C-alpha atoms as a PDB file:
ATOM      1  CA  UNK A   1      62.865  32.985  31.805  1.00  0.00           C
ATOM      2  CA  UNK A   2      60.566  35.656  30.478  1.00  0.00           C
ATOM      3  CA  UNK A   3      60.869  34.189  27.001  1.00  0.00           C
ATOM      4  CA  UNK A   4      59.946  30.742  28.285  1.00  0.00           C
ATOM      5  CA  UNK A   5      57.050  32.161  30.285  1.00  0.00           C
ATOM      6  CA  UNK A   6      55.800  34.060  27.242  1.00  0.00           C
ATOM      7  CA  UNK A   7      56.085  30.931  25.125  1.00  0.00           C
ATOM      8  CA  UNK A   8      54.170  28.941  27.715  1.00  0.00           C
ATOM      9  CA  UNK A   9      51.418  31.542  27.985  1.00  0.00           C
ATOM     10  CA  UNK A  10      51.194  31.725  24.217  1.00  0.00           C
ATOM     11  CA  UNK A  11      50.921  27.953  23.937  1.00  0.00           C
ATOM     12  CA  UNK A  12      48.195  27.882  26.587  1.00  0.00           C
ATOM     13  CA  UNK A  13      46.300  30.673  24.817  1.00  0.00           C
ATOM     14  CA  UNK A  14      46.632  28.909  21.478  1.00  0.00           C
ATOM     15  CA  UNK A  15      45.521  25.604  22.993  1.00  0.00           C
ATOM     16  CA  UNK A  16      42.465  27.136  24.651  1.00  0.00           C
ATOM     17  CA  UNK A  17      41.619  29.045  21.468  1.00  0.00           C
ATOM     18  CA  UNK A  18      41.960  25.877  19.393  1.00  0.00           C
ATOM     19  CA  UNK A  19      39.863  23.805  21.785  1.00  0.00           C
ATOM     20  CA  UNK A  20      37.107  26.382  22.184  1.00  0.00           C
ATOM     21  CA  UNK A  21      36.933  27.495  18.557  1.00  0.00           C
ATOM     22  CA  UNK A  22      37.576  24.222  16.744  1.00  0.00           C
ATOM     23  CA  UNK A  23      36.854  21.672  19.473  1.00  0.00           C
ATOM     24  CA  UNK A  24      33.109  22.193  19.805  1.00  0.00           C
ATOM     25  CA  UNK A  25      30.780  20.410  17.426  1.00  0.00           C
ATOM     26  CA  UNK A  26      27.160  19.318  17.159  1.00  0.00           C
ATOM     27  CA  UNK A  27      25.419  16.347  15.540  1.00  0.00           C
ATOM     28  CA  UNK A  28      22.229  16.930  13.524  1.00  0.00           C
ATOM     29  CA  UNK A  29      19.025  15.009  14.076  1.00  0.00           C
ATOM     30  CA  UNK A  30      19.568  12.717  11.052  1.00  0.00           C
ATOM     31  CA  UNK A  31      23.264  12.209  11.777  1.00  0.00           C
ATOM     32  CA  UNK A  32      25.400   9.957  13.917  1.00  0.00           C
ATOM     33  CA  UNK A  33      29.084  10.460  14.658  1.00  0.00           C
ATOM     34  CA  UNK A  34      32.195   8.512  15.589  1.00  0.00           C
ATOM     35  CA  UNK A  35      35.230  10.104  17.256  1.00  0.00           C
ATOM     36  CA  UNK A  36      38.777   8.863  16.722  1.00  0.00           C
ATOM     37  CA  UNK A  37      41.811   9.534  18.866  1.00  0.00           C
ATOM     38  CA  UNK A  38      45.098   9.460  16.956  1.00  0.00           C
ATOM     39  CA  UNK A  39      43.210   7.645  14.177  1.00  0.00           C
ATOM     40  CA  UNK A  40      41.686   4.961  16.410  1.00  0.00           C
ATOM     41  CA  UNK A  41      37.929   4.895  16.884  1.00  0.00           C
ATOM     42  CA  UNK A  42      36.602   4.616  20.425  1.00  0.00           C
ATOM     43  CA  UNK A  43      35.712   0.961  21.019  1.00  0.00           C
ATOM     44  CA  UNK A  44      32.925  -0.522  23.135  1.00  0.00           C
ATOM     45  CA  UNK A  45      35.075  -2.944  25.126  1.00  0.00           C
ATOM     46  CA  UNK A  46      36.007  -6.009  23.070  1.00  0.00           C
ATOM     47  CA  UNK A  47      32.578  -6.310  21.414  1.00  0.00           C
ATOM     48  CA  UNK A  48      32.343  -6.945  17.677  1.00  0.00           C
ATOM     49  CA  UNK A  49      29.554  -7.052  15.138  1.00  0.00           C
ATOM     50  CA  UNK A  50      29.310 -10.801  15.741  1.00  0.00           C
ATOM     51  CA  UNK A  51      27.807  -9.936  19.144  1.00  0.00           C
ATOM     52  CA  UNK A  52      25.057  -7.907  17.483  1.00  0.00           C
ATOM     53  CA  UNK A  53      21.803  -9.352  16.047  1.00  0.00           C
ATOM     54  CA  UNK A  54      22.740  -8.092  12.577  1.00  0.00           C
ATOM     55  CA  UNK A  55      25.297 -10.919  12.353  1.00  0.00           C
ATOM     56  CA  UNK A  56      22.601 -13.633  12.443  1.00  0.00           C
ATOM     57  CA  UNK A  57      22.169 -13.420   8.666  1.00  0.00           C
ATOM     58  CA  UNK A  58      25.856 -13.999   7.920  1.00  0.00           C
ATOM     59  CA  UNK A  59      26.909 -17.410   6.641  1.00  0.00           C
ATOM     60  CA  UNK A  60      29.341 -19.378   8.778  1.00  0.00           C
ATOM     61  CA  UNK A  61      32.286 -18.758   6.428  1.00  0.00           C
ATOM     62  CA  UNK A  62      31.591 -14.999   6.421  1.00  0.00           C
ATOM     63  CA  UNK A  63      31.611 -14.373  10.166  1.00  0.00           C
ATOM     64  CA  UNK A  64      35.385 -14.243  10.525  1.00  0.00           C
ATOM     65  CA  UNK A  65      35.769 -11.995   7.480  1.00  0.00           C
ATOM     66  CA  UNK A  66      33.138  -9.463   8.589  1.00  0.00           C
ATOM     67  CA  UNK A  67      34.034  -9.230  12.263  1.00  0.00           C
ATOM     68  CA  UNK A  68      34.240  -5.453  12.882  1.00  0.00           C
ATOM     69  CA  UNK A  69      34.756  -3.799  16.294  1.00  0.00           C
ATOM     70  CA  UNK A  70      31.796  -2.059  17.832  1.00  0.00           C
ATOM     71  CA  UNK A  71      32.479   1.630  18.358  1.00  0.00           C
ATOM     72  CA  UNK A  72      30.885   4.309  20.507  1.00  0.00           C
ATOM     73  CA  UNK A  73      28.246   6.134  18.479  1.00  0.00           C
ATOM     74  CA  UNK A  74      27.584   9.777  19.257  1.00  0.00           C
ATOM     75  CA  UNK A  75      23.903  10.597  18.918  1.00  0.00           C
ATOM     76  CA  UNK A  76      22.187  13.766  17.803  1.00  0.00           C
ATOM     77  CA  UNK A  77      22.744  16.789  20.016  1.00  0.00           C
ATOM     78  CA  UNK A  78      25.605  18.852  21.312  1.00  0.00           C
ATOM     79  CA  UNK A  79      27.664  20.824  21.648  1.00  0.00           C
ATOM     80  CA  UNK A  80      30.300  18.159  22.160  1.00  0.00           C
ATOM     81  CA  UNK A  81      34.003  18.692  22.811  1.00  0.00           C
ATOM     82  CA  UNK A  82      36.899  17.154  20.940  1.00  0.00           C
ATOM     83  CA  UNK A  83      40.597  17.610  21.542  1.00  0.00           C
ATOM     84  CA  UNK A  84      43.056  18.628  18.802  1.00  0.00           C
ATOM     85  CA  UNK A  85      44.297  15.063  18.297  1.00  0.00           C
ATOM     86  CA  UNK A  86      40.738  13.784  17.939  1.00  0.00           C
ATOM     87  CA  UNK A  87      38.677  13.727  14.774  1.00  0.00           C
ATOM     88  CA  UNK A  88      34.907  13.417  14.330  1.00  0.00           C
ATOM     89  CA  UNK A  89      33.268  11.512  11.459  1.00  0.00           C
ATOM     90  CA  UNK A  90      29.626  12.351  10.838  1.00  0.00           C
ATOM     91  CA  UNK A  91      27.282  10.134   8.832  1.00  0.00           C
ATOM     92  CA  UNK A  92      23.699  10.705   7.736  1.00  0.00           C
ATOM     93  CA  UNK A  93      21.374   7.881   8.825  1.00  0.00           C
ATOM     94  CA  UNK A  94      18.361   9.135   6.874  1.00  0.00           C
ATOM     95  CA  UNK A  95      16.775   6.737   4.371  1.00  0.00           C
ATOM     96  CA  UNK A  96      17.755   7.463   0.771  1.00  0.00           C
ATOM     97  CA  UNK A  97      16.173   6.281  -2.476  1.00  0.00           C
ATOM     98  CA  UNK A  98      18.128   5.556  -5.637  1.00  0.00           C
ATOM     99  CA  UNK A  99      17.333   4.107  -9.031  1.00  0.00           C
ATOM    100  CA  UNK A 100      18.724   0.578  -9.020  1.00  0.00           C
ATOM    101  CA  UNK A 101      20.243   1.199 -12.468  1.00  0.00           C
ATOM    102  CA  UNK A 102      22.255   4.199 -11.273  1.00  0.00           C
ATOM    103  CA  UNK A 103      26.028   3.720 -11.270  1.00  0.00           C
ATOM    104  CA  UNK A 104      27.761   5.982  -8.734  1.00  0.00           C
ATOM    105  CA  UNK A 105      31.117   5.567 -10.467  1.00  0.00           C
ATOM    106  CA  UNK A 106      29.789   6.190 -13.989  1.00  0.00           C
ATOM    107  CA  UNK A 107      26.474   8.106 -14.011  1.00  0.00           C
ATOM    108  CA  UNK A 108      26.235   7.749 -17.803  1.00  0.00           C
ATOM    109  CA  UNK A 109      26.131   3.942 -17.583  1.00  0.00           C
ATOM    110  CA  UNK A 110      22.898   1.947 -17.918  1.00  0.00           C
ATOM    111  CA  UNK A 111      21.316   4.566 -20.206  1.00  0.00           C
ATOM    112  CA  UNK A 112      22.039   7.317 -17.753  1.00  0.00           C
ATOM    113  CA  UNK A 113      20.873   5.262 -14.779  1.00  0.00           C
ATOM    114  CA  UNK A 114      17.437   4.580 -16.290  1.00  0.00           C
ATOM    115  CA  UNK A 115      17.477   0.862 -17.224  1.00  0.00           C
ATOM    116  CA  UNK A 116      19.496  -2.034 -15.844  1.00  0.00           C
ATOM    117  CA  UNK A 117      20.201  -4.762 -18.390  1.00  0.00           C
ATOM    118  CA  UNK A 118      20.149  -8.470 -17.521  1.00  0.00           C
ATOM    119  CA  UNK A 119      20.124 -11.746 -19.472  1.00  0.00           C
ATOM    120  CA  UNK A 120      17.375 -14.310 -18.861  1.00  0.00           C
ATOM    121  CA  UNK A 121      17.757 -18.092 -18.828  1.00  0.00           C
ATOM    122  CA  UNK A 122      16.678 -18.287 -22.498  1.00  0.00           C
ATOM    123  CA  UNK A 123      19.333 -15.742 -23.536  1.00  0.00           C
ATOM    124  CA  UNK A 124      17.024 -12.746 -23.884  1.00  0.00           C
ATOM    125  CA  UNK A 125      18.483  -9.353 -23.006  1.00  0.00           C
ATOM    126  CA  UNK A 126      15.902  -7.560 -20.875  1.00  0.00           C
ATOM    127  CA  UNK A 127      15.720  -4.171 -19.183  1.00  0.00           C
ATOM    128  CA  UNK A 128      14.861  -3.758 -15.488  1.00  0.00           C
ATOM    129  CA  UNK A 129      13.541  -0.672 -13.753  1.00  0.00           C
ATOM    130  CA  UNK A 130      13.031  -0.078 -10.047  1.00  0.00           C
ATOM    131  CA  UNK A 131      14.259   1.610  -6.905  1.00  0.00           C
ATOM    132  CA  UNK A 132      16.245   0.775  -3.793  1.00  0.00           C
ATOM    133  CA  UNK A 133      15.806   2.334  -0.358  1.00  0.00           C
ATOM    134  CA  UNK A 134      18.859   2.217   1.876  1.00  0.00           C
ATOM    135  CA  UNK A 135      20.305   3.799   5.012  1.00  0.00           C
ATOM    136  CA  UNK A 136      23.487   3.586   7.046  1.00  0.00           C
ATOM    137  CA  UNK A 137      23.427   1.030   9.866  1.00  0.00           C
ATOM    138  CA  UNK A 138      24.003   2.609  13.287  1.00  0.00           C
ATOM    139  CA  UNK A 139      25.065  -0.814  14.574  1.00  0.00           C
ATOM    140  CA  UNK A 140      27.992  -1.048  12.176  1.00  0.00           C
ATOM    141  CA  UNK A 141      29.325   2.443  11.497  1.00  0.00           C
ATOM    142  CA  UNK A 142      32.870   1.095  11.649  1.00  0.00           C
ATOM    143  CA  UNK A 143      32.344  -0.989   8.491  1.00  0.00           C
ATOM    144  CA  UNK A 144      30.754   1.954   6.685  1.00  0.00           C
ATOM    145  CA  UNK A 145      33.487   4.453   7.584  1.00  0.00           C
ATOM    146  CA  UNK A 146      36.631   2.341   7.757  1.00  0.00           C
ATOM    147  CA  UNK A 147      35.910  -1.171   6.477  1.00  0.00           C
ATOM    148  CA  UNK A 148      35.084  -0.331   2.846  1.00  0.00           C
ATOM    149  CA  UNK A 149      36.384   2.476   0.683  1.00  0.00           C
ATOM    150  CA  UNK A 150      33.061   3.190  -1.074  1.00  0.00           C
ATOM    151  CA  UNK A 151      30.319   1.254   0.768  1.00  0.00           C
ATOM    152  CA  UNK A 152      27.362   2.529  -1.289  1.00  0.00           C
ATOM    153  CA  UNK A 153      29.109   1.632  -4.540  1.00  0.00           C
ATOM    154  CA  UNK A 154      30.009  -1.756  -3.096  1.00  0.00           C
ATOM    155  CA  UNK A 155      26.448  -2.460  -1.958  1.00  0.00           C
ATOM    156  CA  UNK A 156      24.963  -1.401  -5.297  1.00  0.00           C
ATOM    157  CA  UNK A 157      27.391  -3.699  -7.092  1.00  0.00           C
ATOM    158  CA  UNK A 158      26.444  -6.550  -4.771  1.00  0.00           C
ATOM    159  CA  UNK A 159      22.733  -5.938  -5.348  1.00  0.00           C
ATOM    160  CA  UNK A 160      23.078  -5.826  -9.135  1.00  0.00           C
ATOM    161  CA  UNK A 161      25.178  -9.014  -9.244  1.00  0.00           C
ATOM    162  CA  UNK A 162      22.652 -10.930  -7.117  1.00  0.00           C
ATOM    163  CA  UNK A 163      19.762  -9.613  -9.210  1.00  0.00           C
ATOM    164  CA  UNK A 164      21.371 -10.571 -12.513  1.00  0.00           C
ATOM    165  CA  UNK A 165      22.171 -14.041 -11.200  1.00  0.00           C
ATOM    166  CA  UNK A 166      18.535 -14.476 -10.133  1.00  0.00           C
ATOM    167  CA  UNK A 167      17.230 -13.256 -13.492  1.00  0.00           C
ATOM    168  CA  UNK A 168      19.522 -15.681 -15.322  1.00  0.00           C
ATOM    169  CA  UNK A 169      18.311 -18.675 -13.294  1.00  0.00           C
ATOM    170  CA  UNK A 170      14.699 -17.774 -12.571  1.00  0.00           C
ATOM    171  CA  UNK A 171      12.076 -20.453 -13.213  1.00  0.00           C
ATOM    172  CA  UNK A 172       8.374 -20.057 -12.528  1.00  0.00           C
ATOM    173  CA  UNK A 173       6.593 -22.503 -10.241  1.00  0.00           C
ATOM    174  CA  UNK A 174       3.434 -24.307 -11.253  1.00  0.00           C
ATOM    175  CA  UNK A 175       3.301 -23.375 -14.937  1.00  0.00           C
ATOM    176  CA  UNK A 176      -0.161 -24.409 -16.194  1.00  0.00           C
ATOM    177  CA  UNK A 177       1.212 -25.125 -19.662  1.00  0.00           C
ATOM    178  CA  UNK A 178       3.719 -27.675 -18.506  1.00  0.00           C
ATOM    179  CA  UNK A 179       6.768 -25.403 -18.297  1.00  0.00           C
ATOM    180  CA  UNK A 180       6.559 -24.140 -21.878  1.00  0.00           C
ATOM    181  CA  UNK A 181       6.559 -20.470 -20.871  1.00  0.00           C
ATOM    182  CA  UNK A 182       9.044 -17.718 -21.673  1.00  0.00           C
ATOM    183  CA  UNK A 183      11.319 -16.466 -18.898  1.00  0.00           C
ATOM    184  CA  UNK A 184      10.330 -12.794 -19.334  1.00  0.00           C
ATOM    185  CA  UNK A 185       6.667 -13.750 -18.935  1.00  0.00           C
ATOM    186  CA  UNK A 186       7.561 -15.786 -15.858  1.00  0.00           C
ATOM    187  CA  UNK A 187       9.451 -12.839 -14.369  1.00  0.00           C
ATOM    188  CA  UNK A 188       6.604 -10.430 -15.025  1.00  0.00           C
ATOM    189  CA  UNK A 189       4.098 -12.736 -13.362  1.00  0.00           C
ATOM    190  CA  UNK A 190       6.356 -13.270 -10.340  1.00  0.00           C
ATOM    191  CA  UNK A 191       7.645  -9.766  -9.586  1.00  0.00           C
ATOM    192  CA  UNK A 192       6.575 -10.097  -5.964  1.00  0.00           C
ATOM    193  CA  UNK A 193       8.578 -13.297  -5.491  1.00  0.00           C
ATOM    194  CA  UNK A 194      11.579 -11.651  -7.153  1.00  0.00           C
ATOM    195  CA  UNK A 195      11.409  -8.652  -4.813  1.00  0.00           C
ATOM    196  CA  UNK A 196      11.067 -10.907  -1.769  1.00  0.00           C
ATOM    197  CA  UNK A 197      14.067 -12.942  -2.903  1.00  0.00           C
ATOM    198  CA  UNK A 198      16.197  -9.794  -3.217  1.00  0.00           C
ATOM    199  CA  UNK A 199      15.128  -8.597   0.240  1.00  0.00           C
ATOM    200  CA  UNK A 200      16.113 -11.973   1.698  1.00  0.00           C
ATOM    201  CA  UNK A 201      19.506 -12.036  -0.029  1.00  0.00           C
ATOM    202  CA  UNK A 202      20.327  -8.507   1.157  1.00  0.00           C
ATOM    203  CA  UNK A 203      19.570  -9.035   4.859  1.00  0.00           C
ATOM    204  CA  UNK A 204      23.289  -9.516   5.588  1.00  0.00           C
ATOM    205  CA  UNK A 205      24.415  -6.179   4.089  1.00  0.00           C
ATOM    206  CA  UNK A 206      24.356  -4.326   7.466  1.00  0.00           C
ATOM    207  CA  UNK A 207      26.855  -6.804   8.925  1.00  0.00           C
ATOM    208  CA  UNK A 208      28.976  -6.877   5.765  1.00  0.00           C
ATOM    209  CA  UNK A 209      29.046  -3.256   4.649  1.00  0.00           C
ATOM    210  CA  UNK A 210      27.232  -1.195   7.301  1.00  0.00           C
ATOM    211  CA  UNK A 211      24.374  -0.403   4.917  1.00  0.00           C
ATOM    212  CA  UNK A 212      20.757  -1.470   5.443  1.00  0.00           C
ATOM    213  CA  UNK A 213      18.692  -2.128   2.316  1.00  0.00           C
ATOM    214  CA  UNK A 214      15.222  -1.254   3.599  1.00  0.00           C
ATOM    215  CA  UNK A 215      13.456  -2.408   0.454  1.00  0.00           C
ATOM    216  CA  UNK A 216      13.995  -3.167  -3.191  1.00  0.00           C
ATOM    217  CA  UNK A 217      11.128  -2.517  -5.566  1.00  0.00           C
ATOM    218  CA  UNK A 218      11.503  -3.888  -9.094  1.00  0.00           C
ATOM    219  CA  UNK A 219       8.683  -2.248 -11.019  1.00  0.00           C
ATOM    220  CA  UNK A 220       9.259  -3.168 -14.661  1.00  0.00           C
ATOM    221  CA  UNK A 221      10.747  -5.869 -16.881  1.00  0.00           C
ATOM    222  CA  UNK A 222      10.882  -4.884 -20.548  1.00  0.00           C
ATOM    223  CA  UNK A 223      11.940  -7.256 -23.340  1.00  0.00           C
ATOM    224  CA  UNK A 224      14.068  -6.093 -26.263  1.00  0.00           C
ATOM    225  CA  UNK A 225      12.040  -4.464 -29.088  1.00  0.00           C
ATOM    226  CA  UNK A 226      12.783  -7.253 -31.573  1.00  0.00           C
ATOM    227  CA  UNK A 227      10.986  -9.860 -29.447  1.00  0.00           C
ATOM    228  CA  UNK A 228       8.134  -7.690 -28.181  1.00  0.00           C
ATOM    229  CA  UNK A 229       5.732  -8.775 -30.960  1.00  0.00           C
ATOM    230  CA  UNK A 230       6.661 -12.444 -30.514  1.00  0.00           C
ATOM    231  CA  UNK A 231       6.031 -12.205 -26.791  1.00  0.00           C
ATOM    232  CA  UNK A 232       2.683 -10.549 -27.450  1.00  0.00           C
ATOM    233  CA  UNK A 233       1.682 -13.452 -29.701  1.00  0.00           C
ATOM    234  CA  UNK A 234       2.816 -15.987 -27.107  1.00  0.00           C
ATOM    235  CA  UNK A 235       0.885 -14.182 -24.390  1.00  0.00           C
ATOM    236  CA  UNK A 236      -2.249 -14.114 -26.565  1.00  0.00           C
ATOM    237  CA  UNK A 237      -1.998 -17.846 -27.233  1.00  0.00           C
ATOM    238  CA  UNK A 238      -1.278 -18.516 -23.558  1.00  0.00           C
ATOM    239  CA  UNK A 239      -4.319 -16.486 -22.495  1.00  0.00           C
ATOM    240  CA  UNK A 240      -6.536 -18.300 -25.017  1.00  0.00           C
ATOM    241  CA  UNK A 241      -5.390 -21.717 -23.823  1.00  0.00           C
ATOM    242  CA  UNK A 242      -5.817 -20.669 -20.204  1.00  0.00           C
ATOM    243  CA  UNK A 243      -9.331 -19.454 -20.993  1.00  0.00           C
ATOM    244  CA  UNK A 244     -10.221 -22.756 -22.689  1.00  0.00           C
ATOM    245  CA  UNK A 245      -8.834 -24.719 -19.758  1.00  0.00           C
ATOM    246  CA  UNK A 246     -10.817 -22.591 -17.305  1.00  0.00           C
ATOM    247  CA  UNK A 247     -14.051 -23.091 -19.280  1.00  0.00           C
ATOM    248  CA  UNK A 248     -13.469 -26.842 -19.470  1.00  0.00           C
ATOM    249  CA  UNK A 249     -12.797 -27.013 -15.738  1.00  0.00           C
ATOM    250  CA  UNK A 250     -15.904 -24.941 -15.007  1.00  0.00           C
ATOM    251  CA  UNK A 251     -18.033 -27.253 -17.188  1.00  0.00           C
ATOM    252  CA  UNK A 252     -16.609 -30.349 -15.521  1.00  0.00           C
ATOM    253  CA  UNK A 253     -17.170 -28.874 -12.060  1.00  0.00           C
ATOM    254  CA  UNK A 254     -20.777 -28.033 -12.954  1.00  0.00           C
ATOM    255  CA  UNK A 255     -21.451 -31.601 -14.143  1.00  0.00           C
ATOM    256  CA  UNK A 256     -19.884 -33.023 -11.000  1.00  0.00           C
ATOM    257  CA  UNK A 257     -22.090 -30.797  -8.843  1.00  0.00           C
ATOM    258  CA  UNK A 258     -25.193 -31.803 -10.817  1.00  0.00           C
ATOM    259  CA  UNK A 259     -24.318 -35.485 -10.484  1.00  0.00           C
ATOM    260  CA  UNK A 260     -23.809 -35.147  -6.751  1.00  0.00           C
ATOM    261  CA  UNK A 261     -27.137 -33.358  -6.444  1.00  0.00           C
ATOM    262  CA  UNK A 262     -28.923 -36.080  -8.417  1.00  0.00           C
ATOM    263  CA  UNK A 263     -27.400 -38.773  -6.192  1.00  0.00           C
ATOM    264  CA  UNK A 264     -28.511 -36.871  -3.088  1.00  0.00           C
ATOM    265  CA  UNK A 265     -32.075 -36.537  -4.428  1.00  0.00           C
ATOM    266  CA  UNK A 266     -32.367 -40.243  -5.292  1.00  0.00           C
ATOM    267  CA  UNK A 267     -30.893 -41.172  -1.909  1.00  0.00           C
ATOM    268  CA  UNK A 268     -33.448 -39.027  -0.079  1.00  0.00           C
ATOM    269  CA  UNK A 269     -36.260 -40.427  -2.220  1.00  0.00           C
ATOM    270  CA  UNK A 270     -35.227 -44.006  -1.417  1.00  0.00           C
ATOM    271  CA  UNK A 271     -34.987 -43.152   2.273  1.00  0.00           C
ATOM    272  CA  UNK A 272     -38.481 -41.637   2.140  1.00  0.00           C
ATOM    273  CA  UNK A 273     -39.880 -44.850   0.597  1.00  0.00           C
ATOM    274  CA  UNK A 274     -38.102 -47.143   3.026  1.00  0.00           C
ATOM    275  CA  UNK A 275     -38.901 -45.200   6.192  1.00  0.00           C
ATOM    276  CA  UNK A 276     -42.674 -46.147   6.359  1.00  0.00           C
ATOM    277  CA  UNK A 277     -41.758 -49.797   5.872  1.00  0.00           C
ATOM    278  CA  UNK A 278     -39.274 -49.589   8.733  1.00  0.00           C
ATOM    279  CA  UNK A 279     -41.842 -48.005  11.000  1.00  0.00           C
ATOM    280  CA  UNK A 280     -44.477 -50.654  10.060  1.00  0.00           C
ATOM    281  CA  UNK A 281     -42.010 -53.444  10.794  1.00  0.00           C
ATOM    282  CA  UNK A 282     -41.231 -51.910  14.166  1.00  0.00           C
ATOM    283  CA  UNK A 283     -44.943 -51.642  15.030  1.00  0.00           C
ATOM    284  CA  UNK A 284     -45.575 -55.250  14.043  1.00  0.00           C
ATOM    285  CA  UNK A 285     -42.649 -56.434  16.140  1.00  0.00           C
ATOM    286  CA  UNK A 286     -43.976 -54.473  19.122  1.00  0.00           C
ATOM    287  CA  UNK A 287     -47.503 -55.966  18.680  1.00  0.00           C
ATOM    288  CA  UNK A 288     -46.117 -59.457  18.485  1.00  0.00           C
ATOM    289  CA  UNK A 289     -44.332 -58.990  21.803  1.00  0.00           C
ATOM    290  CA  UNK A 290     -47.601 -58.109  23.565  1.00  0.00           C
ATOM    291  CA  UNK A 291     -48.854 -61.653  23.422  1.00  0.00           C
ATOM    292  CA  UNK A 292     -50.598 -64.217  21.241  1.00  0.00           C
ATOM    293  CA  UNK A 293     -53.568 -63.012  19.295  1.00  0.00           C
ATOM    294  CA  UNK A 294     -52.515 -59.354  19.304  1.00  0.00           C
ATOM    295  CA  UNK A 295     -50.998 -59.499  15.848  1.00  0.00           C
ATOM    296  CA  UNK A 296     -54.032 -61.342  14.462  1.00  0.00           C
ATOM    297  CA  UNK A 297     -56.372 -58.715  15.941  1.00  0.00           C
ATOM    298  CA  UNK A 298     -54.294 -55.953  14.360  1.00  0.00           C
ATOM    299  CA  UNK A 299     -54.422 -57.670  10.956  1.00  0.00           C
ATOM    300  CA  UNK A 300     -58.196 -58.113  11.293  1.00  0.00           C
ATOM    301  CA  UNK A 301     -58.598 -54.403  12.078  1.00  0.00           C
ATOM    302  CA  UNK A 302     -56.483 -53.459   9.075  1.00  0.00           C
ATOM    303  CA  UNK A 303     -58.560 -55.714   6.829  1.00  0.00           C
ATOM    304  CA  UNK A 304     -61.800 -54.147   8.058  1.00  0.00           C
ATOM    305  CA  UNK A 305     -60.440 -50.671   7.219  1.00  0.00           C
ATOM    306  CA  UNK A 306     -59.506 -51.867   3.772  1.00  0.00           C
ATOM    307  CA  UNK A 307     -62.936 -53.452   3.269  1.00  0.00           C
ATOM    308  CA  UNK A 308     -64.530 -50.181   4.309  1.00  0.00           C
ATOM    309  CA  UNK A 309     -62.579 -48.244   1.672  1.00  0.00           C
ATOM    310  CA  UNK A 310     -62.953 -50.844  -1.114  1.00  0.00           C
ATOM    311  CA  UNK A 311     -65.831 -50.703  -3.583  1.00  0.00           C
ATOM    312  CA  UNK A 312     -65.597 -54.355  -4.614  1.00  0.00           C
ATOM    313  CA  UNK A 313     -64.199 -57.312  -2.723  1.00  0.00           C
ATOM    314  CA  UNK A 314     -63.246 -60.572  -4.353  1.00  0.00           C
ATOM    315  CA  UNK A 315     -62.959 -63.575  -2.095  1.00  0.00           C
ATOM    316  CA  UNK A 316     -61.319 -66.809  -2.949  1.00  0.00           C
ATOM    317  CA  UNK A 317     -63.665 -69.776  -2.464  1.00  0.00           C
ATOM    318  CA  UNK A 318     -62.157 -73.125  -1.935  1.00  0.00           C
ATOM    319  CA  UNK A 319     -64.017 -76.132  -3.384  1.00  0.00           C
END
């Protein structure tokens, strides 16, 4: 009996010691945590990621594949208590920045993570430089911790594959030279559109992988050295043609404006000449309405004024 009692007291002491010493934990300000019990994360009822707004960017065929359970997220603070059969997973939710050419599995790849290579539609091998800002999605910590073995590596691979596909198929809109441009030139002139396209394509990553791509900033597109001089010549010719077209358009616009101005001046001049005649016709019509003899009296008065101003008067004499 004493042995059993000693064993029981020892077990209770060990249990309390284990709970107090190893069962208390805290969560930092930039961290979030999930607690599992016997390997199962604490669920939020039967809710899944499909019930969250992050699922709106998933395609219809993806919704069944990326349906993860929603789990209870432990916010910053503490101390919190966990039992011996429970385990706590902490994740940093701070925004991180990484070179988009960096390979987490092979840091020496892509020239040591400096330049990402891609092939354009006209089979030119070009180098891309830029950065990606990402953070862990608090709405889908289950996918980040348990759904994918290496979520950051997976997301980077997804981003690079989408980017290379876009580079290979990119075509500029509204080419002033009738579509005779070079794809690298088109890409350089449309970096903003390329970045916006990548942001749009990556809106579903929180629902798929539990990682939010805050922004992708492609800053440089460099052609291979052997075609650099050829591209410079093409750009010079393109700029010259564009300049000639702009000058021709400016000259044509100036002539059109001058022609319009001349038409306006002649129109106003004609209106100025016609207006007195219209007023005279209106006055004569009004005099005629006042009765017989009024118009004749007016004409006689006008003639007398003319006779007064004239130096010589020639009268027709009938024989």
